[in-house]
PDB file of N, CA and C in Angstrom:
ATOM      1  N   UNK A   1      10.386 109.353  60.548  1.00  0.00           N
ATOM      2  CA  UNK A   1      11.364 110.261  60.529  1.00  0.00           C
ATOM      3  C   UNK A   1      12.898 109.465  60.832  1.00  0.00           C
ATOM      4  N   UNK A   2      13.737 110.481  59.747  1.00  0.00           N
ATOM      5  CA  UNK A   2      15.012 109.751  59.959  1.00  0.00           C
ATOM      6  C   UNK A   2      15.911 110.528  60.739  1.00  0.00           C
ATOM      7  N   UNK A   3      17.063 109.540  60.982  1.00  0.00           N
ATOM      8  CA  UNK A   3      17.963 110.065  62.182  1.00  0.00           C
ATOM      9  C   UNK A   3      19.766 110.349  61.316  1.00  0.00           C
ATOM     10  N   UNK A   4      19.478 110.433  59.987  1.00  0.00           N
ATOM     11  CA  UNK A   4      20.609 110.556  59.522  1.00  0.00           C
ATOM     12  C   UNK A   4      21.659 109.044  58.833  1.00  0.00           C
ATOM     13  N   UNK A   5      21.242 108.254  59.293  1.00  0.00           N
ATOM     14  CA  UNK A   5      21.807 107.098  59.820  1.00  0.00           C
ATOM     15  C   UNK A   5      21.591 106.430  57.760  1.00  0.00           C
ATOM     16  N   UNK A   6      22.520 105.895  57.473  1.00  0.00           N
ATOM     17  CA  UNK A   6      22.669 105.258  56.025  1.00  0.00           C
ATOM     18  C   UNK A   6      23.044 103.945  56.279  1.00  0.00           C
ATOM     19  N   UNK A   7      22.346 102.800  55.714  1.00  0.00           N
ATOM     20  CA  UNK A   7      22.235 101.383  55.842  1.00  0.00           C
ATOM     21  C   UNK A   7      23.509 101.118  54.893  1.00  0.00           C
ATOM     22  N   UNK A   8      24.644 100.476  54.911  1.00  0.00           N
ATOM     23  CA  UNK A   8      25.258  99.887  54.077  1.00  0.00           C
ATOM     24  C   UNK A   8      24.762  98.474  53.746  1.00  0.00           C
ATOM     25  N   UNK A   9      25.357  97.715  52.679  1.00  0.00           N
ATOM     26  CA  UNK A   9      25.384  96.347  52.820  1.00  0.00           C
ATOM     27  C   UNK A   9      26.562  95.775  52.048  1.00  0.00           C
ATOM     28  N   UNK A  10      26.921  94.725  52.741  1.00  0.00           N
ATOM     29  CA  UNK A  10      28.181  94.135  51.976  1.00  0.00           C
ATOM     30  C   UNK A  10      28.122  94.121  50.858  1.00  0.00           C
ATOM     31  N   UNK A  11      29.393  94.367  49.987  1.00  0.00           N
ATOM     32  CA  UNK A  11      29.391  94.256  48.466  1.00  0.00           C
ATOM     33  C   UNK A  11      29.233  92.702  48.222  1.00  0.00           C
ATOM     34  N   UNK A  12      28.501  92.571  47.122  1.00  0.00           N
ATOM     35  CA  UNK A  12      28.202  91.084  46.567  1.00  0.00           C
ATOM     36  C   UNK A  12      29.811  90.628  46.015  1.00  0.00           C
ATOM     37  N   UNK A  13      30.506  91.365  45.650  1.00  0.00           N
ATOM     38  CA  UNK A  13      31.623  91.151  44.929  1.00  0.00           C
ATOM     39  C   UNK A  13      32.630  90.747  45.899  1.00  0.00           C
ATOM     40  N   UNK A  14      32.273  91.004  47.123  1.00  0.00           N
ATOM     41  CA  UNK A  14      33.457  90.622  47.907  1.00  0.00           C
ATOM     42  C   UNK A  14      32.918  89.787  49.007  1.00  0.00           C
ATOM     43  N   UNK A  15      31.698  88.844  48.585  1.00  0.00           N
ATOM     44  CA  UNK A  15      31.571  87.369  49.284  1.00  0.00           C
ATOM     45  C   UNK A  15      31.958  86.580  48.594  1.00  0.00           C
ATOM     46  N   UNK A  16      33.438  86.212  48.670  1.00  0.00           N
ATOM     47  CA  UNK A  16      34.214  85.269  48.524  1.00  0.00           C
ATOM     48  C   UNK A  16      33.823  84.168  48.045  1.00  0.00           C
ATOM     49  N   UNK A  17      33.127  83.612  49.375  1.00  0.00           N
ATOM     50  CA  UNK A  17      32.702  82.348  49.477  1.00  0.00           C
ATOM     51  C   UNK A  17      31.342  81.893  48.049  1.00  0.00           C
ATOM     52  N   UNK A  18      30.490  83.428  48.226  1.00  0.00           N
ATOM     53  CA  UNK A  18      29.818  82.867  47.316  1.00  0.00           C
ATOM     54  C   UNK A  18      30.046  83.269  45.708  1.00  0.00           C
ATOM     55  N   UNK A  19      30.910  83.629  45.505  1.00  0.00           N
ATOM     56  CA  UNK A  19      31.666  84.454  44.284  1.00  0.00           C
ATOM     57  C   UNK A  19      31.925  82.972  43.810  1.00  0.00           C
ATOM     58  N   UNK A  20      33.188  82.329  44.692  1.00  0.00           N
ATOM     59  CA  UNK A  20      33.310  81.111  44.181  1.00  0.00           C
ATOM     60  C   UNK A  20      32.598  79.948  43.807  1.00  0.00           C
ATOM     61  N   UNK A  21      31.615  79.800  44.780  1.00  0.00           N
ATOM     62  CA  UNK A  21      30.383  78.784  44.716  1.00  0.00           C
ATOM     63  C   UNK A  21      29.444  78.783  43.286  1.00  0.00           C
ATOM     64  N   UNK A  22      29.305  80.092  42.879  1.00  0.00           N
ATOM     65  CA  UNK A  22      28.452  80.520  41.662  1.00  0.00           C
ATOM     66  C   UNK A  22      29.413  80.284  40.511  1.00  0.00           C
ATOM     67  N   UNK A  23      30.723  80.348  40.662  1.00  0.00           N
ATOM     68  CA  UNK A  23      31.444  80.144  39.663  1.00  0.00           C
ATOM     69  C   UNK A  23      31.904  78.820  39.656  1.00  0.00           C
ATOM     70  N   UNK A  24      32.151  77.907  40.282  1.00  0.00           N
ATOM     71  CA  UNK A  24      32.209  76.600  40.207  1.00  0.00           C
ATOM     72  C   UNK A  24      31.119  75.885  39.871  1.00  0.00           C
ATOM     73  N   UNK A  25      29.883  76.043  40.243  1.00  0.00           N
ATOM     74  CA  UNK A  25      28.800  75.519  39.625  1.00  0.00           C
ATOM     75  C   UNK A  25      28.432  76.085  38.110  1.00  0.00           C
ATOM     76  N   UNK A  26      28.310  77.263  38.232  1.00  0.00           N
ATOM     77  CA  UNK A  26      28.193  77.880  36.703  1.00  0.00           C
ATOM     78  C   UNK A  26      29.314  77.335  35.709  1.00  0.00           C
ATOM     79  N   UNK A  27      30.205  77.207  35.908  1.00  0.00           N
ATOM     80  CA  UNK A  27      31.365  76.628  35.282  1.00  0.00           C
ATOM     81  C   UNK A  27      31.008  75.366  34.580  1.00  0.00           C
ATOM     82  N   UNK A  28      30.467  74.391  35.758  1.00  0.00           N
ATOM     83  CA  UNK A  28      29.960  73.046  35.180  1.00  0.00           C
ATOM     84  C   UNK A  28      28.677  73.160  34.311  1.00  0.00           C
ATOM     85  N   UNK A  29      27.979  73.955  34.154  1.00  0.00           N
ATOM     86  CA  UNK A  29      26.607  74.015  33.243  1.00  0.00           C
ATOM     87  C   UNK A  29      27.124  74.768  32.007  1.00  0.00           C
ATOM     88  N   UNK A  30      26.131  74.265  31.119  1.00  0.00           N
ATOM     89  CA  UNK A  30      26.253  74.710  29.632  1.00  0.00           C
ATOM     90  C   UNK A  30      24.549  75.139  29.163  1.00  0.00           C
ATOM     91  N   UNK A  31      24.808  75.933  28.176  1.00  0.00           N
ATOM     92  CA  UNK A  31      23.680  76.477  27.384  1.00  0.00           C
ATOM     93  C   UNK A  31      22.407  77.227  28.134  1.00  0.00           C
ATOM     94  N   UNK A  32      21.258  76.521  28.663  1.00  0.00           N
ATOM     95  CA  UNK A  32      20.239  77.172  29.137  1.00  0.00           C
ATOM     96  C   UNK A  32      20.055  76.927  30.359  1.00  0.00           C
ATOM     97  N   UNK A  33      21.111  75.461  30.958  1.00  0.00           N
ATOM     98  CA  UNK A  33      21.410  75.540  32.187  1.00  0.00           C
ATOM     99  C   UNK A  33      22.187  76.056  33.023  1.00  0.00           C
ATOM    100  N   UNK A  34      22.924  76.906  32.116  1.00  0.00           N
ATOM    101  CA  UNK A  34      23.791  78.012  32.845  1.00  0.00           C
ATOM    102  C   UNK A  34      23.546  79.061  32.767  1.00  0.00           C
ATOM    103  N   UNK A  35      22.644  79.454  31.874  1.00  0.00           N
ATOM    104  CA  UNK A  35      21.682  80.754  32.160  1.00  0.00           C
ATOM    105  C   UNK A  35      20.412  80.888  33.361  1.00  0.00           C
ATOM    106  N   UNK A  36      20.139  79.672  33.191  1.00  0.00           N
ATOM    107  CA  UNK A  36      19.085  79.489  34.174  1.00  0.00           C
ATOM    108  C   UNK A  36      19.383  79.405  35.607  1.00  0.00           C
ATOM    109  N   UNK A  37      20.386  79.101  35.977  1.00  0.00           N
ATOM    110  CA  UNK A  37      21.216  78.942  37.358  1.00  0.00           C
ATOM    111  C   UNK A  37      21.925  80.209  37.656  1.00  0.00           C
ATOM    112  N   UNK A  38      22.559  81.149  36.655  1.00  0.00           N
ATOM    113  CA  UNK A  38      22.885  82.678  36.948  1.00  0.00           C
ATOM    114  C   UNK A  38      21.717  83.271  37.111  1.00  0.00           C
ATOM    115  N   UNK A  39      20.310  83.346  36.288  1.00  0.00           N
ATOM    116  CA  UNK A  39      19.259  84.178  36.574  1.00  0.00           C
ATOM    117  C   UNK A  39      18.665  83.700  37.888  1.00  0.00           C
ATOM    118  N   UNK A  40      18.984  82.611  38.501  1.00  0.00           N
ATOM    119  CA  UNK A  40      18.013  81.885  39.457  1.00  0.00           C
ATOM    120  C   UNK A  40      19.156  82.836  40.873  1.00  0.00           C
ATOM    121  N   UNK A  41      20.322  82.822  40.428  1.00  0.00           N
ATOM    122  CA  UNK A  41      21.454  83.246  41.841  1.00  0.00           C
ATOM    123  C   UNK A  41      21.289  85.027  41.763  1.00  0.00           C
ATOM    124  N   UNK A  42      21.134  85.351  40.865  1.00  0.00           N
ATOM    125  CA  UNK A  42      21.347  86.951  40.611  1.00  0.00           C
ATOM    126  C   UNK A  42      19.883  87.380  40.930  1.00  0.00           C
ATOM    127  N   UNK A  43      18.630  86.520  40.792  1.00  0.00           N
ATOM    128  CA  UNK A  43      17.468  86.906  40.801  1.00  0.00           C
ATOM    129  C   UNK A  43      17.138  86.829  42.591  1.00  0.00           C
ATOM    130  N   UNK A  44      17.758  85.922  42.907  1.00  0.00           N
ATOM    131  CA  UNK A  44      17.875  85.803  44.695  1.00  0.00           C
ATOM    132  C   UNK A  44      18.519  86.982  45.298  1.00  0.00           C
ATOM    133  N   UNK A  45      19.646  87.273  44.667  1.00  0.00           N
ATOM    134  CA  UNK A  45      20.580  88.589  45.272  1.00  0.00           C
ATOM    135  C   UNK A  45      19.783  89.748  45.301  1.00  0.00           C
ATOM    136  N   UNK A  46      19.215  89.969  43.979  1.00  0.00           N
ATOM    137  CA  UNK A  46      18.713  91.260  44.162  1.00  0.00           C
ATOM    138  C   UNK A  46      17.275  91.337  44.791  1.00  0.00           C
ATOM    139  N   UNK A  47      16.728  90.259  44.770  1.00  0.00           N
ATOM    140  CA  UNK A  47      15.473  90.213  45.819  1.00  0.00           C
ATOM    141  C   UNK A  47      15.862  90.590  47.395  1.00  0.00           C
ATOM    142  N   UNK A  48      16.863  89.906  47.655  1.00  0.00           N
ATOM    143  CA  UNK A  48      17.421  90.162  48.982  1.00  0.00           C
ATOM    144  C   UNK A  48      17.664  91.606  49.156  1.00  0.00           C
ATOM    145  N   UNK A  49      18.463  92.293  48.277  1.00  0.00           N
ATOM    146  CA  UNK A  49      18.545  93.578  48.468  1.00  0.00           C
ATOM    147  C   UNK A  49      17.843  94.410  48.451  1.00  0.00           C
ATOM    148  N   UNK A  50      16.736  94.212  47.408  1.00  0.00           N
ATOM    149  CA  UNK A  50      15.653  95.247  47.744  1.00  0.00           C
ATOM    150  C   UNK A  50      14.397  94.959  48.718  1.00  0.00           C
ATOM    151  N   UNK A  51      14.541  93.883  49.403  1.00  0.00           N
ATOM    152  CA  UNK A  51      13.806  93.700  50.598  1.00  0.00           C
ATOM    153  C   UNK A  51      14.691  94.289  51.486  1.00  0.00           C
ATOM    154  N   UNK A  52      15.856  94.939  51.496  1.00  0.00           N
ATOM    155  CA  UNK A  52      16.374  95.217  52.578  1.00  0.00           C
ATOM    156  C   UNK A  52      16.449  97.226  52.148  1.00  0.00           C
ATOM    157  N   UNK A  53      15.979  97.289  51.136  1.00  0.00           N
ATOM    158  CA  UNK A  53      15.501  98.765  50.504  1.00  0.00           C
ATOM    159  C   UNK A  53      16.455  99.371  50.006  1.00  0.00           C
ATOM    160  N   UNK A  54      17.203  98.519  49.586  1.00  0.00           N
ATOM    161  CA  UNK A  54      18.576  99.074  48.625  1.00  0.00           C
ATOM    162  C   UNK A  54      17.934  99.619  47.198  1.00  0.00           C
ATOM    163  N   UNK A  55      18.342 100.709  46.856  1.00  0.00           N
ATOM    164  CA  UNK A  55      17.849 101.355  45.470  1.00  0.00           C
ATOM    165  C   UNK A  55      18.396 100.697  44.501  1.00  0.00           C
ATOM    166  N   UNK A  56      17.396 100.687  43.271  1.00  0.00           N
ATOM    167  CA  UNK A  56      17.520  99.870  42.267  1.00  0.00           C
ATOM    168  C   UNK A  56      18.535 100.174  41.519  1.00  0.00           C
ATOM    169  N   UNK A  57      19.378 101.207  41.508  1.00  0.00           N
ATOM    170  CA  UNK A  57      20.886 101.660  40.753  1.00  0.00           C
ATOM    171  C   UNK A  57      22.012 100.823  41.361  1.00  0.00           C
ATOM    172  N   UNK A  58      21.717 100.771  42.709  1.00  0.00           N
ATOM    173  CA  UNK A  58      22.641 100.482  43.695  1.00  0.00           C
ATOM    174  C   UNK A  58      22.519  98.453  43.128  1.00  0.00           C
ATOM    175  N   UNK A  59      21.264  98.154  43.129  1.00  0.00           N
ATOM    176  CA  UNK A  59      21.358  97.034  42.846  1.00  0.00           C
ATOM    177  C   UNK A  59      22.221  96.210  41.696  1.00  0.00           C
ATOM    178  N   UNK A  60      21.820  97.178  40.698  1.00  0.00           N
ATOM    179  CA  UNK A  60      22.336  96.770  39.426  1.00  0.00           C
ATOM    180  C   UNK A  60      23.898  96.974  39.705  1.00  0.00           C
ATOM    181  N   UNK A  61      24.370  97.910  40.177  1.00  0.00           N
ATOM    182  CA  UNK A  61      25.935  97.943  40.182  1.00  0.00           C
ATOM    183  C   UNK A  61      26.658  96.738  41.166  1.00  0.00           C
ATOM    184  N   UNK A  62      25.845  96.556  42.197  1.00  0.00           N
ATOM    185  CA  UNK A  62      26.270  95.318  43.044  1.00  0.00           C
ATOM    186  C   UNK A  62      26.324  94.027  41.935  1.00  0.00           C
ATOM    187  N   UNK A  63      25.011  94.080  41.122  1.00  0.00           N
ATOM    188  CA  UNK A  63      25.124  92.470  40.290  1.00  0.00           C
ATOM    189  C   UNK A  63      26.297  92.613  39.126  1.00  0.00           C
ATOM    190  N   UNK A  64      26.172  93.840  38.882  1.00  0.00           N
ATOM    191  CA  UNK A  64      27.784  93.884  37.961  1.00  0.00           C
ATOM    192  C   UNK A  64      28.944  93.926  38.022  1.00  0.00           C
ATOM    193  N   UNK A  65      29.225  93.981  39.181  1.00  0.00           N
ATOM    194  CA  UNK A  65      30.372  93.973  40.165  1.00  0.00           C
ATOM    195  C   UNK A  65      30.695  92.381  40.597  1.00  0.00           C
ATOM    196  N   UNK A  66      29.082  92.003  40.907  1.00  0.00           N
ATOM    197  CA  UNK A  66      29.243  90.193  41.027  1.00  0.00           C
ATOM    198  C   UNK A  66      29.697  89.316  40.024  1.00  0.00           C
ATOM    199  N   UNK A  67      29.053  89.651  39.177  1.00  0.00           N
ATOM    200  CA  UNK A  67      29.068  89.439  37.364  1.00  0.00           C
ATOM    201  C   UNK A  67      30.491  89.467  37.012  1.00  0.00           C
ATOM    202  N   UNK A  68      31.607  90.341  37.553  1.00  0.00           N
ATOM    203  CA  UNK A  68      32.865  90.628  37.273  1.00  0.00           C
ATOM    204  C   UNK A  68      33.616  89.957  37.908  1.00  0.00           C
ATOM    205  N   UNK A  69      33.615  89.753  39.446  1.00  0.00           N
ATOM    206  CA  UNK A  69      34.050  88.742  40.274  1.00  0.00           C
ATOM    207  C   UNK A  69      34.093  87.304  39.751  1.00  0.00           C
ATOM    208  N   UNK A  70      32.583  86.850  39.564  1.00  0.00           N
ATOM    209  CA  UNK A  70      32.592  85.610  39.083  1.00  0.00           C
ATOM    210  C   UNK A  70      33.420  85.066  37.846  1.00  0.00           C
ATOM    211  N   UNK A  71      33.336  85.987  37.090  1.00  0.00           N
ATOM    212  CA  UNK A  71      34.218  86.032  35.755  1.00  0.00           C
ATOM    213  C   UNK A  71      35.583  85.904  35.953  1.00  0.00           C
ATOM    214  N   UNK A  72      35.734  86.691  37.140  1.00  0.00           N
ATOM    215  CA  UNK A  72      37.082  86.611  37.598  1.00  0.00           C
ATOM    216  C   UNK A  72      37.804  85.615  38.027  1.00  0.00           C
ATOM    217  N   UNK A  73      36.702  84.675  38.826  1.00  0.00           N
ATOM    218  CA  UNK A  73      37.479  83.845  39.293  1.00  0.00           C
ATOM    219  C   UNK A  73      36.973  82.545  38.471  1.00  0.00           C
ATOM    220  N   UNK A  74      36.124  82.519  37.424  1.00  0.00           N
ATOM    221  CA  UNK A  74      36.093  81.595  36.488  1.00  0.00           C
ATOM    222  C   UNK A  74      37.553  81.393  35.618  1.00  0.00           C
ATOM    223  N   UNK A  75      38.298  82.734  35.227  1.00  0.00           N
ATOM    224  CA  UNK A  75      39.395  82.634  34.803  1.00  0.00           C
ATOM    225  C   UNK A  75      40.513  82.365  35.478  1.00  0.00           C
ATOM    226  N   UNK A  76      40.481  82.789  36.473  1.00  0.00           N
ATOM    227  CA  UNK A  76      41.285  82.086  37.504  1.00  0.00           C
ATOM    228  C   UNK A  76      41.810  80.370  38.094  1.00  0.00           C
ATOM    229  N   UNK A  77      40.248  79.882  38.329  1.00  0.00           N
ATOM    230  CA  UNK A  77      40.085  78.691  38.355  1.00  0.00           C
ATOM    231  C   UNK A  77      40.581  78.231  37.015  1.00  0.00           C
ATOM    232  N   UNK A  78      40.551  78.616  36.109  1.00  0.00           N
ATOM    233  CA  UNK A  78      40.532  77.446  34.707  1.00  0.00           C
ATOM    234  C   UNK A  78      41.915  77.850  34.566  1.00  0.00           C
ATOM    235  N   UNK A  79      42.861  78.753  34.547  1.00  0.00           N
ATOM    236  CA  UNK A  79      44.267  78.914  34.759  1.00  0.00           C
ATOM    237  C   UNK A  79      44.988  78.079  35.762  1.00  0.00           C
ATOM    238  N   UNK A  80      44.383  77.946  36.853  1.00  0.00           N
ATOM    239  CA  UNK A  80      44.856  77.020  37.921  1.00  0.00           C
ATOM    240  C   UNK A  80      45.039  75.557  37.401  1.00  0.00           C
ATOM    241  N   UNK A  81      43.915  75.108  36.784  1.00  0.00           N
ATOM    242  CA  UNK A  81      43.540  73.674  36.341  1.00  0.00           C
ATOM    243  C   UNK A  81      44.328  73.632  34.775  1.00  0.00           C
ATOM    244  N   UNK A  82      44.683  74.478  34.497  1.00  0.00           N
ATOM    245  CA  UNK A  82      45.183  74.611  32.965  1.00  0.00           C
ATOM    246  C   UNK A  82      44.067  74.193  32.025  1.00  0.00           C
ATOM    247  N   UNK A  83      42.837  74.482  32.059  1.00  0.00           N
ATOM    248  CA  UNK A  83      41.862  74.201  31.043  1.00  0.00           C
ATOM    249  C   UNK A  83      41.921  75.632  30.347  1.00  0.00           C
ATOM    250  N   UNK A  84      41.410  75.409  29.440  1.00  0.00           N
ATOM    251  CA  UNK A  84      41.375  76.460  28.306  1.00  0.00           C
ATOM    252  C   UNK A  84      40.546  77.203  28.326  1.00  0.00           C
TER     253      UNK A  84
END
C-alpha cells in the first residue's frame, strides 16, 4: 500500500562535481576510449536510478540532461583554456 509519497532523485545534470569530472576525463580521451568511458559512466548512473525504481522514461530524460550538461562543461572549459 502506498501513502501517496513520491520519491524524487537529485537531477544528474545538477551534480556539478560529477559533470565536471566526466567532462574532464572524457575530454582527454578519443575514439573508442571516449565511447567506452561514456558508456561506462552513463550505464552506472542508469543502473543506480533503475535500482531506485526510477521509470525508464525518466532515466532517459536524466541521462539526456546530463549529456547536455557535460557538453556545456566541455565547451566552457575549452573556452577558458583557449582551446578550439
